[in-house]
Amino acid sequence: MAADEIPPPLVSSYATGFGEEGRAWIAALPALAADVLERWELRRDGDLWSGQASLVLPVLRRDGTPAALKLQLGREEATAALIGLRAWKGEGMVRLLDHDPVSSSVLLERLDGARTLASVDDDDAAMGVLAALHARLVAVPAPGGLPGLGDVAAAMLEQVPQAVADLVDPADRQILRGWASAVADLADDPGDRLLHWDLHYDNVLAAEREPWIAIDPEPLVGDPGFDLWPALNSRWDDVVAPGGPRRTVRRRFDLLTEALGLDRARAAGWTLGRLLQNALWEIEDGGTRLAPSETAIAESLRDR
């Protein structure tokens, strides 16, 4: 792999997110790719692609089996993903084929990277697929070594006073306090299920083994209600916002909570917790207003 093949967004993401460590990792990436390809006896088989935190090379294994080589900087998130992949064992989730603990490189089964669940025009059908996958994933017992929602909730509540002060609109401040109150009410019982934490349409790919399989987990142990926001927010600009979000958000929420067997009031509360988390991240990055999509979701779930 040549240095000029590395997608600029990945270069920028690593420089911004990891500073000198990130720039050094990007500089060493061609040599790392060559080393792993040689040691695992892999041959490249198509154009590479990337997200914000990893580079993926389509490859063929020694026996000709298609696979995907994922190269990434070793981080807590990468370790958590590995723990989750091993726990799911390919049940609704992409299969882990190999792992290099030194470089944090992983070899995964090859899915159809060109066809995500977002390609399904019928939103009810797509959300039904997502809900069924979600139910399968949270049914797997959570292993040890993963972060827990209780700690996440406690950390969020500590950040709220400063975040409220950073917001410029009094209405936004009141909304953020309300989301924090919902978390405080639920924090003593954070749940014990294995969550994907980022299950949306673009993280579900078409496959041969099953019609649709989830990818890119960010495992967390907690209440499945905290995991609904990515689904509710999927294809927001294309599907949800144009027709008015209230009806679509409610329909999605009802479908998801029914498939997962969740108490709707509790799930709505934890969804507000997820909105709180997103808002805190955005404020930390310099934001001074709440995102319209997030306040729209919260309003849509007001009486749920």
C-alpha atoms as a PDB file:
ATOM      1  CA  MET A   1       0.000   0.000   0.000  1.00  0.00           C
ATOM      2  CA  ALA A   2       1.382   3.369  -1.015  1.00  0.00           C
ATOM      3  CA  ALA A   3       1.201   6.412   1.226  1.00  0.00           C
ATOM      4  CA  ASP A   4      -0.875   8.303  -1.365  1.00  0.00           C
ATOM      5  CA  GLU A   5      -3.613   5.652  -1.086  1.00  0.00           C
ATOM      6  CA  ILE A   6      -4.436   6.678   2.469  1.00  0.00           C
ATOM      7  CA  PRO A   7      -7.705   8.658   2.331  1.00  0.00           C
ATOM      8  CA  PRO A   8      -7.215  12.314   3.355  1.00  0.00           C
ATOM      9  CA  PRO A   9     -10.183  12.225   5.801  1.00  0.00           C
ATOM     10  CA  LEU A  10      -8.430   9.446   7.745  1.00  0.00           C
ATOM     11  CA  VAL A  11      -5.186  11.440   7.797  1.00  0.00           C
ATOM     12  CA  SER A  12      -7.048  14.504   9.048  1.00  0.00           C
ATOM     13  CA  SER A  13      -9.013  12.516  11.628  1.00  0.00           C
ATOM     14  CA  TYR A  14      -5.874  11.014  13.142  1.00  0.00           C
ATOM     15  CA  ALA A  15      -4.024  14.331  13.184  1.00  0.00           C
ATOM     16  CA  THR A  16      -6.958  16.063  14.878  1.00  0.00           C
ATOM     17  CA  GLY A  17      -7.872  13.288  17.273  1.00  0.00           C
ATOM     18  CA  PHE A  18      -4.476  11.907  18.256  1.00  0.00           C
ATOM     19  CA  GLY A  19      -1.966  14.647  17.493  1.00  0.00           C
ATOM     20  CA  GLU A  20       1.636  13.553  17.078  1.00  0.00           C
ATOM     21  CA  GLU A  21       0.794   9.943  17.914  1.00  0.00           C
ATOM     22  CA  GLY A  22      -1.804   9.930  15.164  1.00  0.00           C
ATOM     23  CA  ARG A  23       0.490  11.485  12.592  1.00  0.00           C
ATOM     24  CA  ALA A  24       3.192   8.940  13.427  1.00  0.00           C
ATOM     25  CA  TRP A  25       0.719   6.073  13.045  1.00  0.00           C
ATOM     26  CA  ILE A  26      -0.406   7.349   9.640  1.00  0.00           C
ATOM     27  CA  ALA A  27       3.224   7.672   8.525  1.00  0.00           C
ATOM     28  CA  ALA A  28       3.894   4.064   9.531  1.00  0.00           C
ATOM     29  CA  LEU A  29       0.655   2.722   8.035  1.00  0.00           C
ATOM     30  CA  PRO A  30       2.078   1.521   4.661  1.00  0.00           C
ATOM     31  CA  ALA A  31       4.791  -0.483   6.434  1.00  0.00           C
ATOM     32  CA  LEU A  32       2.249  -1.882   8.908  1.00  0.00           C
ATOM     33  CA  ALA A  33      -0.053  -2.979   6.098  1.00  0.00           C
ATOM     34  CA  ALA A  34       2.794  -4.694   4.252  1.00  0.00           C
ATOM     35  CA  ASP A  35       3.908  -6.490   7.419  1.00  0.00           C
ATOM     36  CA  VAL A  36       0.450  -7.798   8.337  1.00  0.00           C
ATOM     37  CA  LEU A  37      -0.325  -8.855   4.774  1.00  0.00           C
ATOM     38  CA  GLU A  38       2.888 -10.872   4.671  1.00  0.00           C
ATOM     39  CA  ARG A  39       2.570 -12.467   8.127  1.00  0.00           C
ATOM     40  CA  TRP A  40      -1.059 -13.498   7.612  1.00  0.00           C
ATOM     41  CA  GLU A  41      -0.428 -14.553   3.992  1.00  0.00           C
ATOM     42  CA  LEU A  42      -3.035 -12.210   2.582  1.00  0.00           C
ATOM     43  CA  ARG A  43      -3.408 -10.756  -0.908  1.00  0.00           C
ATOM     44  CA  ARG A  44      -5.127  -7.473  -1.613  1.00  0.00           C
ATOM     45  CA  ASP A  45      -8.390  -7.836  -3.489  1.00  0.00           C
ATOM     46  CA  GLY A  46      -9.852  -4.461  -4.320  1.00  0.00           C
ATOM     47  CA  ASP A  47      -9.831  -0.817  -3.335  1.00  0.00           C
ATOM     48  CA  LEU A  48      -9.369   0.147   0.290  1.00  0.00           C
ATOM     49  CA  TRP A  49     -11.841   2.208   2.275  1.00  0.00           C
ATOM     50  CA  SER A  50     -11.796   3.933   5.637  1.00  0.00           C
ATOM     51  CA  GLY A  51     -13.796   5.437   8.439  1.00  0.00           C
ATOM     52  CA  GLN A  52     -12.649   8.042  10.957  1.00  0.00           C
ATOM     53  CA  ALA A  53     -10.565   5.589  12.972  1.00  0.00           C
ATOM     54  CA  SER A  54      -9.523   2.698  10.721  1.00  0.00           C
ATOM     55  CA  LEU A  55      -8.399   1.637   7.274  1.00  0.00           C
ATOM     56  CA  VAL A  56      -9.918  -1.474   5.688  1.00  0.00           C
ATOM     57  CA  LEU A  57      -8.252  -3.530   2.953  1.00  0.00           C
ATOM     58  CA  PRO A  58     -10.264  -6.151   1.055  1.00  0.00           C
ATOM     59  CA  VAL A  59      -8.046  -9.240   0.964  1.00  0.00           C
ATOM     60  CA  LEU A  60      -7.951 -12.915   0.051  1.00  0.00           C
ATOM     61  CA  ARG A  61      -6.699 -15.464   2.562  1.00  0.00           C
ATOM     62  CA  ARG A  62      -4.272 -18.221   1.608  1.00  0.00           C
ATOM     63  CA  ASP A  63      -7.158 -20.540   0.682  1.00  0.00           C
ATOM     64  CA  GLY A  64      -8.839 -17.855  -1.432  1.00  0.00           C
ATOM     65  CA  THR A  65     -11.491 -16.913   1.129  1.00  0.00           C
ATOM     66  CA  PRO A  66     -12.454 -13.219   0.943  1.00  0.00           C
ATOM     67  CA  ALA A  67     -11.809 -11.226   4.123  1.00  0.00           C
ATOM     68  CA  ALA A  68     -11.333  -7.655   5.303  1.00  0.00           C
ATOM     69  CA  LEU A  69      -8.164  -6.461   7.039  1.00  0.00           C
ATOM     70  CA  LYS A  70      -8.852  -3.617   9.460  1.00  0.00           C
ATOM     71  CA  LEU A  71      -5.888  -1.508  10.533  1.00  0.00           C
ATOM     72  CA  GLN A  72      -6.307   0.836  13.491  1.00  0.00           C
ATOM     73  CA  LEU A  73      -4.455   2.541  16.285  1.00  0.00           C
ATOM     74  CA  GLY A  74      -4.565   0.557  19.518  1.00  0.00           C
ATOM     75  CA  ARG A  75      -7.099   2.294  21.805  1.00  0.00           C
ATOM     76  CA  GLU A  76      -9.582   1.386  24.529  1.00  0.00           C
ATOM     77  CA  GLU A  77     -12.328   1.413  21.919  1.00  0.00           C
ATOM     78  CA  ALA A  78     -10.464  -1.120  19.773  1.00  0.00           C
ATOM     79  CA  THR A  79     -10.006  -3.400  22.782  1.00  0.00           C
ATOM     80  CA  ALA A  80     -13.696  -3.155  23.661  1.00  0.00           C
ATOM     81  CA  ALA A  81     -14.666  -3.956  20.061  1.00  0.00           C
ATOM     82  CA  LEU A  82     -12.489  -7.059  20.145  1.00  0.00           C
ATOM     83  CA  ILE A  83     -14.112  -8.253  23.385  1.00  0.00           C
ATOM     84  CA  GLY A  84     -17.549  -7.715  21.869  1.00  0.00           C
ATOM     85  CA  LEU A  85     -16.733  -9.500  18.607  1.00  0.00           C
ATOM     86  CA  ARG A  86     -15.515 -12.519  20.530  1.00  0.00           C
ATOM     87  CA  ALA A  87     -18.670 -12.548  22.662  1.00  0.00           C
ATOM     88  CA  TRP A  88     -21.076 -12.268  19.709  1.00  0.00           C
ATOM     89  CA  LYS A  89     -19.281 -15.052  17.767  1.00  0.00           C
ATOM     90  CA  GLY A  90     -20.815 -13.917  14.509  1.00  0.00           C
ATOM     91  CA  GLU A  91     -24.418 -14.005  15.747  1.00  0.00           C
ATOM     92  CA  GLY A  92     -25.826 -11.068  13.821  1.00  0.00           C
ATOM     93  CA  MET A  93     -22.359  -9.521  13.927  1.00  0.00           C
ATOM     94  CA  VAL A  94     -19.400  -9.616  11.551  1.00  0.00           C
ATOM     95  CA  ARG A  95     -17.126 -12.563  12.359  1.00  0.00           C
ATOM     96  CA  LEU A  96     -13.652 -12.070  13.789  1.00  0.00           C
ATOM     97  CA  LEU A  97     -11.153 -14.266  11.925  1.00  0.00           C
ATOM     98  CA  ASP A  98      -7.840 -13.166  13.416  1.00  0.00           C
ATOM     99  CA  HIS A  99      -6.288 -10.534  15.666  1.00  0.00           C
ATOM    100  CA  ASP A 100      -2.803  -9.123  16.152  1.00  0.00           C
ATOM    101  CA  PRO A 101      -2.485  -7.826  19.742  1.00  0.00           C
ATOM    102  CA  VAL A 102       0.697  -5.896  18.964  1.00  0.00           C
ATOM    103  CA  SER A 103      -0.690  -3.710  16.183  1.00  0.00           C
ATOM    104  CA  SER A 104      -4.422  -4.046  17.035  1.00  0.00           C
ATOM    105  CA  SER A 105      -5.037  -5.211  13.461  1.00  0.00           C
ATOM    106  CA  VAL A 106      -8.043  -7.472  12.962  1.00  0.00           C
ATOM    107  CA  LEU A 107      -9.111  -9.768  10.154  1.00  0.00           C
ATOM    108  CA  LEU A 108     -12.873  -9.892   9.605  1.00  0.00           C
ATOM    109  CA  GLU A 109     -15.188 -11.763   7.308  1.00  0.00           C
ATOM    110  CA  ARG A 110     -15.875  -9.856   4.079  1.00  0.00           C
ATOM    111  CA  LEU A 111     -19.320  -8.331   3.736  1.00  0.00           C
ATOM    112  CA  ASP A 112     -20.797  -6.203   0.965  1.00  0.00           C
ATOM    113  CA  GLY A 113     -19.326  -2.832   1.818  1.00  0.00           C
ATOM    114  CA  ALA A 114     -21.203  -1.206  -1.059  1.00  0.00           C
ATOM    115  CA  ARG A 115     -24.666  -2.080   0.261  1.00  0.00           C
ATOM    116  CA  THR A 116     -25.796  -0.860   3.651  1.00  0.00           C
ATOM    117  CA  LEU A 117     -29.238  -1.055   5.231  1.00  0.00           C
ATOM    118  CA  ALA A 118     -29.681   2.580   4.187  1.00  0.00           C
ATOM    119  CA  SER A 119     -30.179   1.260   0.633  1.00  0.00           C
ATOM    120  CA  VAL A 120     -33.577  -0.189   1.607  1.00  0.00           C
ATOM    121  CA  ASP A 121     -36.174   2.378   0.545  1.00  0.00           C
ATOM    122  CA  ASP A 122     -38.974   1.134   2.811  1.00  0.00           C
ATOM    123  CA  ASP A 123     -38.100   2.605   6.195  1.00  0.00           C
ATOM    124  CA  ASP A 124     -40.380   0.262   8.117  1.00  0.00           C
ATOM    125  CA  ALA A 125     -38.710  -2.737   6.474  1.00  0.00           C
ATOM    126  CA  ALA A 126     -35.236  -1.363   7.177  1.00  0.00           C
ATOM    127  CA  MET A 127     -36.084  -0.567  10.795  1.00  0.00           C
ATOM    128  CA  GLY A 128     -37.553  -4.039  11.188  1.00  0.00           C
ATOM    129  CA  VAL A 129     -34.256  -5.565  10.103  1.00  0.00           C
ATOM    130  CA  LEU A 130     -32.340  -3.285  12.452  1.00  0.00           C
ATOM    131  CA  ALA A 131     -34.647  -4.059  15.368  1.00  0.00           C
ATOM    132  CA  ALA A 132     -34.316  -7.817  14.829  1.00  0.00           C
ATOM    133  CA  LEU A 133     -30.524  -7.544  14.735  1.00  0.00           C
ATOM    134  CA  HIS A 134     -30.573  -5.368  17.825  1.00  0.00           C
ATOM    135  CA  ALA A 135     -32.620  -7.941  19.724  1.00  0.00           C
ATOM    136  CA  ARG A 136     -30.146 -10.679  18.814  1.00  0.00           C
ATOM    137  CA  LEU A 137     -27.147  -8.635  19.857  1.00  0.00           C
ATOM    138  CA  VAL A 138     -28.470  -7.645  23.299  1.00  0.00           C
ATOM    139  CA  ALA A 139     -29.482 -11.269  23.963  1.00  0.00           C
ATOM    140  CA  VAL A 140     -25.800 -12.268  24.215  1.00  0.00           C
ATOM    141  CA  PRO A 141     -24.520 -12.149  27.836  1.00  0.00           C
ATOM    142  CA  ALA A 142     -22.119  -9.273  28.410  1.00  0.00           C
ATOM    143  CA  PRO A 143     -18.518 -10.378  29.028  1.00  0.00           C
ATOM    144  CA  GLY A 144     -16.165  -8.756  31.511  1.00  0.00           C
ATOM    145  CA  GLY A 145     -13.725  -6.020  30.622  1.00  0.00           C
ATOM    146  CA  LEU A 146     -16.176  -3.589  29.025  1.00  0.00           C
ATOM    147  CA  PRO A 147     -17.211  -0.101  30.145  1.00  0.00           C
ATOM    148  CA  GLY A 148     -20.541   0.141  31.939  1.00  0.00           C
ATOM    149  CA  LEU A 149     -23.420   2.562  31.535  1.00  0.00           C
ATOM    150  CA  GLY A 150     -23.405   3.303  35.272  1.00  0.00           C
ATOM    151  CA  ASP A 151     -19.964   4.881  35.021  1.00  0.00           C
ATOM    152  CA  VAL A 152     -20.894   6.639  31.783  1.00  0.00           C
ATOM    153  CA  ALA A 153     -24.014   8.108  33.399  1.00  0.00           C
ATOM    154  CA  ALA A 154     -22.120   9.305  36.470  1.00  0.00           C
ATOM    155  CA  ALA A 155     -19.508  11.018  34.312  1.00  0.00           C
ATOM    156  CA  MET A 156     -22.199  12.726  32.240  1.00  0.00           C
ATOM    157  CA  LEU A 157     -23.985  14.111  35.284  1.00  0.00           C
ATOM    158  CA  GLU A 158     -20.723  15.600  36.543  1.00  0.00           C
ATOM    159  CA  GLN A 159     -20.301  17.512  33.268  1.00  0.00           C
ATOM    160  CA  VAL A 160     -23.813  18.953  33.143  1.00  0.00           C
ATOM    161  CA  PRO A 161     -23.319  22.167  35.197  1.00  0.00           C
ATOM    162  CA  GLN A 162     -20.477  23.390  32.997  1.00  0.00           C
ATOM    163  CA  ALA A 163     -22.283  22.342  29.826  1.00  0.00           C
ATOM    164  CA  VAL A 164     -25.400  24.256  30.859  1.00  0.00           C
ATOM    165  CA  ALA A 165     -23.289  27.346  31.427  1.00  0.00           C
ATOM    166  CA  ASP A 166     -21.780  27.000  27.937  1.00  0.00           C
ATOM    167  CA  LEU A 167     -25.152  27.015  26.179  1.00  0.00           C
ATOM    168  CA  VAL A 168     -26.300  30.432  24.951  1.00  0.00           C
ATOM    169  CA  ASP A 169     -30.043  29.790  24.742  1.00  0.00           C
ATOM    170  CA  PRO A 170     -32.005  29.592  28.026  1.00  0.00           C
ATOM    171  CA  ALA A 171     -34.433  27.132  26.386  1.00  0.00           C
ATOM    172  CA  ASP A 172     -31.528  24.825  25.533  1.00  0.00           C
ATOM    173  CA  ARG A 173     -30.281  25.054  29.085  1.00  0.00           C
ATOM    174  CA  GLN A 174     -33.657  23.969  30.408  1.00  0.00           C
ATOM    175  CA  ILE A 175     -33.805  21.058  27.950  1.00  0.00           C
ATOM    176  CA  LEU A 176     -30.327  19.863  28.917  1.00  0.00           C
ATOM    177  CA  ARG A 177     -31.273  19.962  32.608  1.00  0.00           C
ATOM    178  CA  GLY A 178     -34.339  17.878  31.785  1.00  0.00           C
ATOM    179  CA  TRP A 179     -32.240  15.242  30.016  1.00  0.00           C
ATOM    180  CA  ALA A 180     -29.876  15.137  32.979  1.00  0.00           C
ATOM    181  CA  SER A 181     -32.819  14.690  35.336  1.00  0.00           C
ATOM    182  CA  ALA A 182     -33.982  11.686  33.303  1.00  0.00           C
ATOM    183  CA  VAL A 183     -30.536  10.111  33.626  1.00  0.00           C
ATOM    184  CA  ALA A 184     -30.393  10.800  37.360  1.00  0.00           C
ATOM    185  CA  ASP A 185     -33.718   8.997  37.793  1.00  0.00           C
ATOM    186  CA  LEU A 186     -32.407   5.878  36.027  1.00  0.00           C
ATOM    187  CA  ALA A 187     -28.731   5.859  37.005  1.00  0.00           C
ATOM    188  CA  ASP A 188     -29.135   3.463  39.944  1.00  0.00           C
ATOM    189  CA  ASP A 189     -30.197   0.686  37.545  1.00  0.00           C
ATOM    190  CA  PRO A 190     -28.011   1.059  34.433  1.00  0.00           C
ATOM    191  CA  GLY A 191     -28.655  -2.436  33.040  1.00  0.00           C
ATOM    192  CA  ASP A 192     -26.430  -5.380  32.201  1.00  0.00           C
ATOM    193  CA  ARG A 193     -26.910  -6.154  28.498  1.00  0.00           C
ATOM    194  CA  LEU A 194     -24.240  -6.144  25.796  1.00  0.00           C
ATOM    195  CA  LEU A 195     -24.857  -3.065  23.634  1.00  0.00           C
ATOM    196  CA  HIS A 196     -23.530  -2.232  20.181  1.00  0.00           C
ATOM    197  CA  TRP A 197     -23.639   1.516  21.027  1.00  0.00           C
ATOM    198  CA  ASP A 198     -23.658   2.627  17.383  1.00  0.00           C
ATOM    199  CA  LEU A 199     -26.227   0.476  15.552  1.00  0.00           C
ATOM    200  CA  HIS A 200     -27.623   2.494  12.645  1.00  0.00           C
ATOM    201  CA  TYR A 201     -28.357   1.809   8.988  1.00  0.00           C
ATOM    202  CA  ASP A 202     -24.816   2.447   7.758  1.00  0.00           C
ATOM    203  CA  ASN A 203     -23.412  -0.039  10.282  1.00  0.00           C
ATOM    204  CA  VAL A 204     -25.436  -2.918   8.829  1.00  0.00           C
ATOM    205  CA  LEU A 205     -24.087  -4.494   5.632  1.00  0.00           C
ATOM    206  CA  ALA A 206     -25.500  -7.009   3.186  1.00  0.00           C
ATOM    207  CA  ALA A 207     -23.879 -10.446   3.272  1.00  0.00           C
ATOM    208  CA  GLU A 208     -24.121 -14.009   1.960  1.00  0.00           C
ATOM    209  CA  ARG A 209     -24.138 -15.813   5.325  1.00  0.00           C
ATOM    210  CA  GLU A 210     -27.152 -13.787   6.388  1.00  0.00           C
ATOM    211  CA  PRO A 211     -29.030 -11.070   4.489  1.00  0.00           C
ATOM    212  CA  TRP A 212     -27.806  -8.356   6.874  1.00  0.00           C
ATOM    213  CA  ILE A 213     -24.991  -8.278   9.440  1.00  0.00           C
ATOM    214  CA  ALA A 214     -23.903  -5.580  11.908  1.00  0.00           C
ATOM    215  CA  ILE A 215     -20.400  -4.088  11.912  1.00  0.00           C
ATOM    216  CA  ASP A 216     -18.275  -1.611  13.875  1.00  0.00           C
ATOM    217  CA  PRO A 217     -19.522  -2.168  17.423  1.00  0.00           C
ATOM    218  CA  GLU A 218     -18.465   0.074  20.292  1.00  0.00           C
ATOM    219  CA  PRO A 219     -19.485  -2.335  23.071  1.00  0.00           C
ATOM    220  CA  LEU A 220     -20.947  -1.083  26.307  1.00  0.00           C
ATOM    221  CA  VAL A 221     -22.743  -2.899  29.124  1.00  0.00           C
ATOM    222  CA  GLY A 222     -26.063  -1.318  30.007  1.00  0.00           C
ATOM    223  CA  ASP A 223     -29.761  -0.838  29.319  1.00  0.00           C
ATOM    224  CA  PRO A 224     -30.798  -1.361  25.656  1.00  0.00           C
ATOM    225  CA  GLY A 225     -32.810   1.862  25.867  1.00  0.00           C
ATOM    226  CA  PHE A 226     -29.522   3.759  25.809  1.00  0.00           C
ATOM    227  CA  ASP A 227     -28.776   2.144  22.433  1.00  0.00           C
ATOM    228  CA  LEU A 228     -31.835   3.324  20.470  1.00  0.00           C
ATOM    229  CA  TRP A 229     -30.740   6.804  19.391  1.00  0.00           C
ATOM    230  CA  PRO A 230     -28.534   5.739  16.425  1.00  0.00           C
ATOM    231  CA  ALA A 231     -31.509   3.871  14.951  1.00  0.00           C
ATOM    232  CA  LEU A 232     -33.923   6.741  15.584  1.00  0.00           C
ATOM    233  CA  ASN A 233     -31.475   9.132  13.928  1.00  0.00           C
ATOM    234  CA  SER A 234     -30.731   6.959  10.864  1.00  0.00           C
ATOM    235  CA  ARG A 235     -31.140   8.746   7.497  1.00  0.00           C
ATOM    236  CA  TRP A 236     -32.428  11.809   9.340  1.00  0.00           C
ATOM    237  CA  ASP A 237     -32.115  14.293   6.487  1.00  0.00           C
ATOM    238  CA  ASP A 238     -33.456  11.894   3.826  1.00  0.00           C
ATOM    239  CA  VAL A 239     -36.260  10.086   5.625  1.00  0.00           C
ATOM    240  CA  VAL A 240     -37.138  11.616   8.982  1.00  0.00           C
ATOM    241  CA  ALA A 241     -36.906  15.384   8.744  1.00  0.00           C
ATOM    242  CA  PRO A 242     -38.664  15.966   5.357  1.00  0.00           C
ATOM    243  CA  GLY A 243     -42.018  14.579   6.505  1.00  0.00           C
ATOM    244  CA  GLY A 244     -41.834  15.932  10.024  1.00  0.00           C
ATOM    245  CA  PRO A 245     -39.906  13.880  12.567  1.00  0.00           C
ATOM    246  CA  ARG A 246     -42.605  13.236  15.157  1.00  0.00           C
ATOM    247  CA  ARG A 247     -44.467  10.482  13.331  1.00  0.00           C
ATOM    248  CA  THR A 248     -41.370   8.690  12.033  1.00  0.00           C
ATOM    249  CA  VAL A 249     -39.495   8.853  15.336  1.00  0.00           C
ATOM    250  CA  ARG A 250     -42.489   7.481  17.221  1.00  0.00           C
ATOM    251  CA  ARG A 251     -43.029   4.690  14.711  1.00  0.00           C
ATOM    252  CA  ARG A 252     -39.364   3.706  14.895  1.00  0.00           C
ATOM    253  CA  PHE A 253     -39.341   3.912  18.680  1.00  0.00           C
ATOM    254  CA  ASP A 254     -42.429   1.724  19.012  1.00  0.00           C
ATOM    255  CA  LEU A 255     -41.015  -0.866  16.605  1.00  0.00           C
ATOM    256  CA  LEU A 256     -37.683  -0.998  18.410  1.00  0.00           C
ATOM    257  CA  THR A 257     -39.090  -1.190  21.926  1.00  0.00           C
ATOM    258  CA  GLU A 258     -41.531  -3.920  20.894  1.00  0.00           C
ATOM    259  CA  ALA A 259     -38.793  -6.008  19.244  1.00  0.00           C
ATOM    260  CA  LEU A 260     -36.532  -5.604  22.280  1.00  0.00           C
ATOM    261  CA  GLY A 261     -39.299  -6.086  24.847  1.00  0.00           C
ATOM    262  CA  LEU A 262     -38.509  -2.781  26.556  1.00  0.00           C
ATOM    263  CA  ASP A 263     -40.565  -0.671  28.913  1.00  0.00           C
ATOM    264  CA  ARG A 264     -41.279   2.396  26.795  1.00  0.00           C
ATOM    265  CA  ALA A 265     -41.058   4.973  29.551  1.00  0.00           C
ATOM    266  CA  ARG A 266     -37.703   3.630  30.695  1.00  0.00           C
ATOM    267  CA  ALA A 267     -36.429   3.380  27.109  1.00  0.00           C
ATOM    268  CA  ALA A 268     -37.513   6.969  26.466  1.00  0.00           C
ATOM    269  CA  GLY A 269     -35.612   8.069  29.579  1.00  0.00           C
ATOM    270  CA  TRP A 270     -32.423   6.361  28.509  1.00  0.00           C
ATOM    271  CA  THR A 271     -32.816   7.797  25.006  1.00  0.00           C
ATOM    272  CA  LEU A 272     -32.800  11.238  26.618  1.00  0.00           C
ATOM    273  CA  GLY A 273     -29.607  10.093  28.308  1.00  0.00           C
ATOM    274  CA  ARG A 274     -28.101   9.328  24.929  1.00  0.00           C
ATOM    275  CA  LEU A 275     -29.134  12.764  23.680  1.00  0.00           C
ATOM    276  CA  LEU A 276     -27.437  14.202  26.755  1.00  0.00           C
ATOM    277  CA  GLN A 277     -24.252  12.337  25.937  1.00  0.00           C
ATOM    278  CA  ASN A 278     -24.267  13.601  22.353  1.00  0.00           C
ATOM    279  CA  ALA A 279     -24.908  17.159  23.511  1.00  0.00           C
ATOM    280  CA  LEU A 280     -22.067  17.024  26.028  1.00  0.00           C
ATOM    281  CA  TRP A 281     -19.674  15.867  23.319  1.00  0.00           C
ATOM    282  CA  GLU A 282     -20.810  18.652  20.998  1.00  0.00           C
ATOM    283  CA  ILE A 283     -20.482  21.298  23.716  1.00  0.00           C
ATOM    284  CA  GLU A 284     -17.031  20.020  24.607  1.00  0.00           C
ATOM    285  CA  ASP A 285     -16.089  20.537  20.946  1.00  0.00           C
ATOM    286  CA  GLY A 286     -17.219  24.164  21.127  1.00  0.00           C
ATOM    287  CA  GLY A 287     -20.930  23.925  20.429  1.00  0.00           C
ATOM    288  CA  THR A 288     -23.204  26.474  22.094  1.00  0.00           C
ATOM    289  CA  ARG A 289     -26.636  25.243  20.891  1.00  0.00           C
ATOM    290  CA  LEU A 290     -28.394  21.887  21.003  1.00  0.00           C
ATOM    291  CA  ALA A 291     -28.747  20.074  17.683  1.00  0.00           C
ATOM    292  CA  PRO A 292     -32.242  20.436  16.169  1.00  0.00           C
ATOM    293  CA  SER A 293     -32.445  16.702  15.402  1.00  0.00           C
ATOM    294  CA  GLU A 294     -31.784  15.853  19.044  1.00  0.00           C
ATOM    295  CA  THR A 295     -34.378  18.237  20.436  1.00  0.00           C
ATOM    296  CA  ALA A 296     -36.842  16.925  17.828  1.00  0.00           C
ATOM    297  CA  ILE A 297     -36.293  13.353  18.998  1.00  0.00           C
ATOM    298  CA  ALA A 298     -36.757  14.389  22.611  1.00  0.00           C
ATOM    299  CA  GLU A 299     -40.003  16.207  21.769  1.00  0.00           C
ATOM    300  CA  SER A 300     -41.269  13.222  19.790  1.00  0.00           C
ATOM    301  CA  LEU A 301     -40.799  10.944  22.805  1.00  0.00           C
ATOM    302  CA  ARG A 302     -42.337  13.356  25.310  1.00  0.00           C
ATOM    303  CA  ASP A 303     -45.339  11.152  26.163  1.00  0.00           C
ATOM    304  CA  ARG A 304     -43.737   7.813  25.485  1.00  0.00           C
END
